[in-house]
Amino acid sequence: MRTETDPSDGSVRFRGPPDDVSALLHDLRLAHMSYCKSDLTRPWGLDLPYEEGIRFHYVVEGGCWTITATQSVWLEAGDVALMVNGAAHQLADQRDGPTMSVFDTERREVGPDMYRLRAGGGGERSTIVCCKVTFEEPFPSALVATMPHMLVVRAGEPAGQAIQGVLQLMASEVALDRPGSVAVMTRLADVAVTHLLRAWIDGDNAATAETTSALRDPQIGPALLAIHRDPGRAWSVEALAALVHVSRSTFAERFRSVMGVSPARYTALWRMRIAEQWLRQGRLNVAEIAVRLGYDSEASFARAFKRVTGRPPGRFRRDVATRSVLDERQRNSAERP
């Protein structure tokens, strides 16, 4: 990216399209992927519970309603719906028809975290590919906070055309069941999700332009990227302002105007999102998390965590473990004949 000096005030400004959005997407590291190909015949309807991570549904054949608490969208063959926040939703052939839990269907494991599902009454057929992915680090809050609960990419759109080949490769990989399929599927899922996110970021409607303004802002985007990449660093306003070559006061005012919070508050919120993810994963203890996120003691981290989340880190971890046990019991109960 090039810079130039504004003759009116001597400030340094960026020219050319900022690549900070691409850098944020590039930094995502896919940690886990599950895949299901569903063969459904009318009438049919599926309830999908909350699951951490992001999911997408790709209609291979036929069509379906995708229904959330706030909206319902009809998908035709070639369309994709991306569900960002893991919220519970429904897939069905009728908008107001009966539904059943996805755990009560005929579901067969065909490989590690790969399934074939069958449901319905024997009528007109639809085939839908569903994929869920989680990342090693929490999904960038600057993206999640501004994204709609459901993003739809139509088959006829440029992004929809580009992703068709990736999704068809995923379906073929499941059908072939060859050695190494898990590694191949994980990489294909990574490409598919990146395509979908880019479709949203590159959207030319007014809402998209507004919600991506922070990431595209030449003074804010590089600062967000720096905080996301190195959350444990003691970021000062001076250090962040220096990254974008503006004064401390100009940067602080611009950041608060765009983000709605101060740089220090945003950094704290981002650290707590990472802490929540690490606590859920269970691979680090509280003291290790505190050090990685730049706190000088476990106690200071615990106080910061409670201020943001309302719970101390130990209780948060116990609550997550309890919920996981209850969810597992529900799945096992649903799968028993």
Protein backbone atom coordinates (compact mmCIF):
# COMPACT_ATOMS: atom_id res chain seq x y z
CA MET A 1 0.00 0.00 0.00
CA ARG A 2 1.38 3.42 -0.92
CA THR A 3 1.28 6.53 1.22
CA GLU A 4 1.20 10.22 0.36
CA THR A 5 1.42 13.45 2.34
CA ASP A 6 -1.70 15.60 2.43
CA PRO A 7 -0.53 19.16 1.56
CA SER A 8 -3.38 20.72 3.54
CA ASP A 9 -2.31 19.41 6.94
CA GLY A 10 0.91 17.45 6.37
CA SER A 11 -0.66 14.17 7.48
CA VAL A 12 0.27 10.86 5.88
CA ARG A 13 -2.57 9.06 4.13
CA PHE A 14 -2.84 5.64 2.53
CA ARG A 15 -3.55 5.16 -1.16
CA GLY A 16 -4.81 2.04 -2.83
CA PRO A 17 -7.13 -0.62 -1.41
CA PRO A 18 -6.15 -1.67 2.12
CA ASP A 19 -5.34 -5.36 2.44
CA ASP A 20 -6.03 -5.66 6.18
CA VAL A 21 -9.23 -7.65 5.60
CA SER A 22 -7.28 -10.17 3.55
CA ALA A 23 -4.64 -10.33 6.26
CA LEU A 24 -7.26 -11.02 8.93
CA LEU A 25 -8.76 -13.84 6.86
CA HIS A 26 -5.31 -15.20 6.12
CA ASP A 27 -4.56 -15.38 9.85
CA LEU A 28 -7.55 -17.65 10.51
CA ARG A 29 -6.46 -21.20 11.30
CA LEU A 30 -9.11 -23.84 10.90
CA ALA A 31 -9.07 -26.15 13.93
CA HIS A 32 -11.94 -28.52 13.26
CA MET A 33 -14.33 -29.39 10.46
CA SER A 34 -17.39 -31.63 10.25
CA TYR A 35 -19.34 -32.37 7.08
CA CYS A 36 -22.72 -33.89 6.34
CA LYS A 37 -24.43 -34.68 3.05
CA SER A 38 -28.20 -34.84 3.55
CA ASP A 39 -30.63 -36.68 1.27
CA LEU A 40 -34.09 -35.33 2.05
CA THR A 41 -37.52 -36.10 0.58
CA ARG A 42 -40.71 -34.10 1.04
CA PRO A 43 -42.12 -33.47 3.52
CA TRP A 44 -39.12 -32.82 5.76
CA GLY A 45 -37.83 -30.33 8.32
CA LEU A 46 -34.73 -30.27 10.53
CA ASP A 47 -33.98 -28.44 13.78
CA LEU A 48 -30.28 -27.60 14.16
CA PRO A 49 -29.24 -26.57 17.70
CA TYR A 50 -26.67 -23.98 18.66
CA GLU A 51 -23.12 -25.08 17.89
CA GLU A 52 -19.98 -23.08 18.39
CA GLY A 53 -18.29 -22.08 15.15
CA ILE A 54 -19.71 -21.13 11.79
CA ARG A 55 -21.76 -23.31 9.44
CA PHE A 56 -22.76 -23.21 5.82
CA HIS A 57 -25.47 -25.04 3.91
CA TYR A 58 -25.10 -25.67 0.17
CA VAL A 59 -28.09 -26.81 -1.88
CA VAL A 60 -26.93 -29.38 -4.42
CA GLU A 61 -30.39 -30.38 -5.65
CA GLY A 62 -33.91 -29.15 -4.95
CA GLY A 63 -34.36 -26.35 -2.45
CA CYS A 64 -35.12 -25.48 1.17
CA TRP A 65 -36.11 -22.78 3.59
CA THR A 66 -33.39 -21.63 5.97
CA ILE A 67 -35.11 -20.21 9.05
CA THR A 68 -33.65 -18.26 11.97
CA ALA A 69 -35.37 -16.47 14.84
CA THR A 70 -35.56 -13.29 12.77
CA GLN A 71 -35.73 -14.27 9.10
CA SER A 72 -36.47 -17.01 6.59
CA VAL A 73 -34.83 -17.37 3.17
CA TRP A 74 -35.56 -19.79 0.33
CA LEU A 75 -32.46 -21.43 -1.14
CA GLU A 76 -32.38 -23.01 -4.60
CA ALA A 77 -29.84 -25.37 -6.16
CA GLY A 78 -26.40 -23.75 -6.10
CA ASP A 79 -27.22 -21.28 -3.31
CA VAL A 80 -25.24 -21.18 -0.06
CA ALA A 81 -26.25 -19.88 3.39
CA LEU A 82 -23.47 -19.04 5.86
CA MET A 83 -24.48 -19.03 9.54
CA VAL A 84 -21.88 -16.99 11.40
CA ASN A 85 -22.65 -17.10 15.11
CA GLY A 86 -23.65 -20.75 15.61
CA ALA A 87 -27.26 -19.83 16.41
CA ALA A 88 -29.98 -22.47 16.31
CA HIS A 89 -31.94 -22.54 13.06
CA GLN A 90 -34.09 -24.77 10.84
CA LEU A 91 -33.90 -26.22 7.36
CA ALA A 92 -37.21 -27.31 5.83
CA ASP A 93 -39.11 -27.78 2.60
CA GLN A 94 -41.97 -25.65 3.97
CA ARG A 95 -41.58 -22.43 5.92
CA ASP A 96 -44.22 -23.33 8.51
CA GLY A 97 -44.02 -27.13 8.30
CA PRO A 98 -43.20 -29.56 11.14
CA THR A 99 -39.54 -30.20 11.99
CA MET A 100 -37.53 -32.79 13.90
CA SER A 101 -34.19 -32.68 15.68
CA VAL A 102 -31.25 -33.47 13.42
CA PHE A 103 -30.19 -36.02 16.07
CA ASP A 104 -33.42 -37.99 15.51
CA THR A 105 -32.69 -38.62 11.82
CA GLU A 106 -31.00 -41.55 10.13
CA ARG A 107 -27.39 -40.41 10.25
CA ARG A 108 -24.45 -42.62 9.26
CA GLU A 109 -20.77 -41.83 9.82
CA VAL A 110 -18.78 -42.39 6.62
CA GLY A 111 -15.45 -41.06 7.92
CA PRO A 112 -14.03 -39.02 10.78
CA ASP A 113 -16.56 -36.18 11.31
CA MET A 114 -18.20 -36.97 7.94
CA TYR A 115 -21.82 -38.09 7.78
CA ARG A 116 -24.64 -39.06 5.44
CA LEU A 117 -28.13 -38.15 6.61
CA ARG A 118 -31.52 -39.29 5.36
CA ALA A 119 -34.94 -37.96 6.35
CA GLY A 120 -38.37 -37.20 4.93
CA GLY A 121 -41.57 -38.72 3.65
CA GLY A 122 -40.51 -40.06 0.25
CA GLY A 123 -41.63 -37.19 -1.97
CA GLU A 124 -39.63 -34.74 -4.07
CA ARG A 125 -35.92 -34.93 -3.27
CA SER A 126 -33.45 -32.29 -2.08
CA THR A 127 -29.74 -32.80 -1.45
CA ILE A 128 -27.99 -30.40 0.92
CA VAL A 129 -24.35 -30.28 2.00
CA CYS A 130 -23.73 -28.88 5.49
CA CYS A 131 -20.34 -28.04 6.92
CA LYS A 132 -19.29 -26.70 10.33
CA VAL A 133 -15.86 -25.21 11.05
CA THR A 134 -14.13 -23.80 14.11
CA PHE A 135 -10.86 -21.91 14.30
CA GLU A 136 -7.85 -22.11 16.57
CA GLU A 137 -8.29 -18.46 17.46
CA PRO A 138 -11.67 -16.82 17.93
CA PHE A 139 -13.20 -15.49 14.79
CA PRO A 140 -12.23 -11.80 14.46
CA SER A 141 -14.67 -9.78 16.53
CA ALA A 142 -14.45 -6.87 14.10
CA LEU A 143 -16.03 -9.15 11.51
CA VAL A 144 -18.52 -11.05 13.69
CA ALA A 145 -19.86 -7.92 15.37
CA THR A 146 -20.86 -6.46 12.02
CA MET A 147 -21.96 -9.53 10.07
CA PRO A 148 -25.59 -10.59 9.67
CA HIS A 149 -26.67 -13.80 11.39
CA MET A 150 -27.17 -15.36 7.96
CA LEU A 151 -25.31 -14.56 4.75
CA VAL A 152 -26.77 -15.90 1.50
CA VAL A 153 -24.67 -16.24 -1.66
CA ARG A 154 -26.74 -17.02 -4.75
CA ALA A 155 -25.55 -19.41 -7.45
CA GLY A 156 -25.69 -16.72 -10.13
CA GLU A 157 -23.49 -14.26 -8.25
CA PRO A 158 -19.76 -14.21 -9.06
CA ALA A 159 -18.90 -15.53 -5.59
CA GLY A 160 -21.51 -18.26 -5.96
CA GLN A 161 -20.04 -19.37 -9.27
CA ALA A 162 -16.52 -19.38 -7.82
CA ILE A 163 -17.43 -21.58 -4.88
CA GLN A 164 -19.32 -24.25 -6.86
CA GLY A 165 -16.16 -26.11 -7.81
CA VAL A 166 -14.87 -26.21 -4.21
CA LEU A 167 -18.15 -27.58 -2.88
CA GLN A 168 -18.36 -30.19 -5.63
CA LEU A 169 -14.84 -31.32 -4.75
CA MET A 170 -15.94 -31.74 -1.14
CA ALA A 171 -18.87 -33.92 -2.17
CA SER A 172 -16.65 -36.02 -4.43
CA GLU A 173 -14.08 -36.50 -1.68
CA VAL A 174 -16.73 -37.91 0.65
CA ALA A 175 -18.03 -40.24 -2.06
CA LEU A 176 -14.55 -41.59 -2.90
CA ASP A 177 -13.57 -42.17 0.76
CA ARG A 178 -9.84 -42.23 -0.05
CA PRO A 179 -6.92 -42.10 2.43
CA GLY A 180 -6.16 -38.56 3.53
CA SER A 181 -9.71 -37.38 2.92
CA VAL A 182 -9.90 -35.59 6.28
CA ALA A 183 -6.90 -33.40 5.42
CA VAL A 184 -8.29 -32.65 1.96
CA MET A 185 -11.76 -31.85 3.32
CA THR A 186 -10.32 -29.52 5.97
CA ARG A 187 -8.45 -27.52 3.34
CA LEU A 188 -11.44 -27.38 1.03
CA ALA A 189 -13.66 -26.19 3.88
CA ASP A 190 -11.12 -23.48 4.67
CA VAL A 191 -11.23 -22.28 1.04
CA ALA A 192 -15.04 -22.42 0.95
CA VAL A 193 -15.47 -20.33 4.10
CA THR A 194 -12.91 -17.79 2.92
CA HIS A 195 -14.78 -17.42 -0.38
CA LEU A 196 -18.05 -16.84 1.49
CA LEU A 197 -16.56 -14.28 3.85
CA ARG A 198 -14.95 -12.44 0.97
CA ALA A 199 -18.31 -12.38 -0.80
CA TRP A 200 -19.75 -10.50 2.16
CA ILE A 201 -16.78 -8.15 2.52
CA ASP A 202 -16.79 -7.32 -1.18
CA GLY A 203 -20.54 -6.69 -1.27
CA ASP A 204 -21.45 -3.36 -2.84
CA ASN A 205 -24.67 -2.67 -0.95
CA ALA A 206 -24.91 0.20 1.54
CA ALA A 207 -25.20 -2.03 4.61
CA THR A 208 -22.05 -3.94 3.73
CA ALA A 209 -20.13 -0.76 3.04
CA GLU A 210 -21.11 0.57 6.45
CA THR A 211 -20.35 -2.59 8.42
CA THR A 212 -16.93 -3.10 6.86
CA SER A 213 -15.91 0.53 7.24
CA ALA A 214 -13.74 -0.17 10.28
CA LEU A 215 -11.73 -2.85 8.53
CA ARG A 216 -11.32 -0.75 5.41
CA ASP A 217 -10.48 2.46 7.25
CA PRO A 218 -6.80 3.29 6.52
CA GLN A 219 -6.27 4.59 10.06
CA ILE A 220 -8.23 1.91 11.94
CA GLY A 221 -7.74 -1.22 9.83
CA PRO A 222 -3.97 -1.60 10.41
CA ALA A 223 -4.46 -0.99 14.14
CA LEU A 224 -7.15 -3.67 14.37
CA LEU A 225 -4.91 -6.09 12.51
CA ALA A 226 -2.03 -5.40 14.90
CA ILE A 227 -4.21 -5.94 17.99
CA HIS A 228 -5.64 -9.16 16.56
CA ARG A 229 -2.24 -10.54 15.63
CA ASP A 230 -0.48 -9.69 18.91
CA PRO A 231 -3.10 -9.32 21.67
CA GLY A 232 -0.56 -9.88 24.44
CA ARG A 233 1.42 -6.77 23.58
CA ALA A 234 0.95 -3.70 25.77
CA TRP A 235 -0.62 -1.62 23.03
CA SER A 236 -0.60 2.10 23.77
CA VAL A 237 -2.42 4.77 21.81
CA GLU A 238 0.97 6.15 20.82
CA ALA A 239 2.13 2.79 19.41
CA LEU A 240 -1.07 2.26 17.44
CA ALA A 241 -1.06 5.80 16.12
CA ALA A 242 2.52 5.34 14.95
CA LEU A 243 1.46 2.35 12.85
CA VAL A 244 -0.75 4.56 10.72
CA HIS A 245 1.41 7.70 10.90
CA VAL A 246 -1.07 10.03 12.58
CA SER A 247 -0.97 11.89 15.86
CA ARG A 248 -2.07 10.28 19.11
CA SER A 249 -5.09 12.57 19.47
CA THR A 250 -6.19 12.11 15.85
CA PHE A 251 -5.96 8.33 16.11
CA ALA A 252 -7.76 8.12 19.46
CA GLU A 253 -10.61 10.33 18.23
CA ARG A 254 -10.94 8.41 14.95
CA PHE A 255 -10.84 5.01 16.66
CA ARG A 256 -13.57 5.90 19.15
CA SER A 257 -15.68 7.42 16.38
CA VAL A 258 -15.48 4.29 14.20
CA MET A 259 -15.42 1.52 16.84
CA GLY A 260 -17.53 3.12 19.56
CA VAL A 261 -14.92 2.34 22.25
CA SER A 262 -11.39 3.44 23.07
CA PRO A 263 -8.37 1.48 21.76
CA ALA A 264 -7.69 0.21 25.29
CA ARG A 265 -11.26 -1.02 25.71
CA TYR A 266 -11.26 -2.73 22.34
CA THR A 267 -7.97 -4.48 23.16
CA ALA A 268 -9.40 -5.69 26.47
CA LEU A 269 -12.55 -7.01 24.79
CA TRP A 270 -10.52 -8.80 22.13
CA ARG A 271 -8.29 -10.39 24.76
CA MET A 272 -11.33 -11.71 26.61
CA ARG A 273 -12.73 -13.25 23.42
CA ILE A 274 -9.46 -15.11 22.99
CA ALA A 275 -9.47 -16.09 26.67
CA GLU A 276 -12.98 -17.52 26.34
CA GLN A 277 -11.90 -19.62 23.39
CA TRP A 278 -8.81 -20.94 25.19
CA LEU A 279 -10.84 -21.73 28.29
CA ARG A 280 -13.33 -23.71 26.17
CA GLN A 281 -10.54 -25.64 24.49
CA GLY A 282 -9.01 -26.56 27.86
CA ARG A 283 -5.42 -26.82 26.63
CA LEU A 284 -4.10 -23.90 28.73
CA ASN A 285 -4.57 -23.19 32.40
CA VAL A 286 -5.58 -19.75 33.67
CA ALA A 287 -2.00 -18.73 34.54
CA GLU A 288 -0.77 -19.61 31.04
CA ILE A 289 -3.62 -17.65 29.44
CA ALA A 290 -2.80 -14.64 31.61
CA VAL A 291 0.84 -14.64 30.47
CA ARG A 292 -0.01 -15.07 26.79
CA LEU A 293 -2.46 -12.17 26.91
CA GLY A 294 0.01 -9.81 28.53
CA TYR A 295 -1.20 -9.70 32.14
CA ASP A 296 1.41 -9.49 34.89
CA SER A 297 -0.41 -11.94 37.15
CA GLU A 298 -3.19 -14.51 37.15
CA ALA A 299 -5.16 -12.34 39.58
CA SER A 300 -5.07 -9.25 37.33
CA PHE A 301 -6.24 -11.35 34.38
CA ALA A 302 -9.05 -12.89 36.46
CA ARG A 303 -10.27 -9.44 37.49
CA ALA A 304 -10.23 -8.22 33.87
CA PHE A 305 -12.03 -11.35 32.69
CA LYS A 306 -14.78 -10.96 35.30
CA ARG A 307 -15.26 -7.27 34.44
CA VAL A 308 -15.93 -8.16 30.81
CA THR A 309 -17.78 -11.50 31.07
CA GLY A 310 -19.38 -11.27 34.50
CA ARG A 311 -17.76 -14.53 35.62
CA PRO A 312 -14.28 -15.43 36.89
CA PRO A 313 -12.33 -17.66 34.46
CA GLY A 314 -12.57 -20.76 36.68
CA ARG A 315 -16.35 -20.57 36.83
CA PHE A 316 -16.56 -19.89 33.09
CA ARG A 317 -14.56 -23.07 32.39
CA ARG A 318 -16.74 -25.13 34.75
CA ASP A 319 -19.93 -23.80 33.14
CA VAL A 320 -18.62 -24.73 29.68
CA ALA A 321 -17.70 -28.23 30.86
CA THR A 322 -21.16 -28.71 32.40
CA ARG A 323 -22.86 -27.60 29.21
CA SER A 324 -20.69 -29.97 27.14
CA VAL A 325 -21.69 -32.91 29.35
CA LEU A 326 -25.38 -32.06 29.07
CA ASP A 327 -25.14 -31.67 25.28
CA GLU A 328 -23.37 -35.03 24.99
CA ARG A 329 -26.05 -36.72 27.07
CA GLN A 330 -28.73 -35.20 24.84
CA ARG A 331 -26.98 -36.49 21.72
CA ASN A 332 -26.51 -39.96 23.15
CA SER A 333 -30.14 -40.07 24.26
CA ALA A 334 -31.34 -39.00 20.80
CA GLU A 335 -29.17 -41.62 19.07
CA ARG A 336 -30.46 -44.55 21.14
CA PRO A 337 -33.09 -46.67 19.37
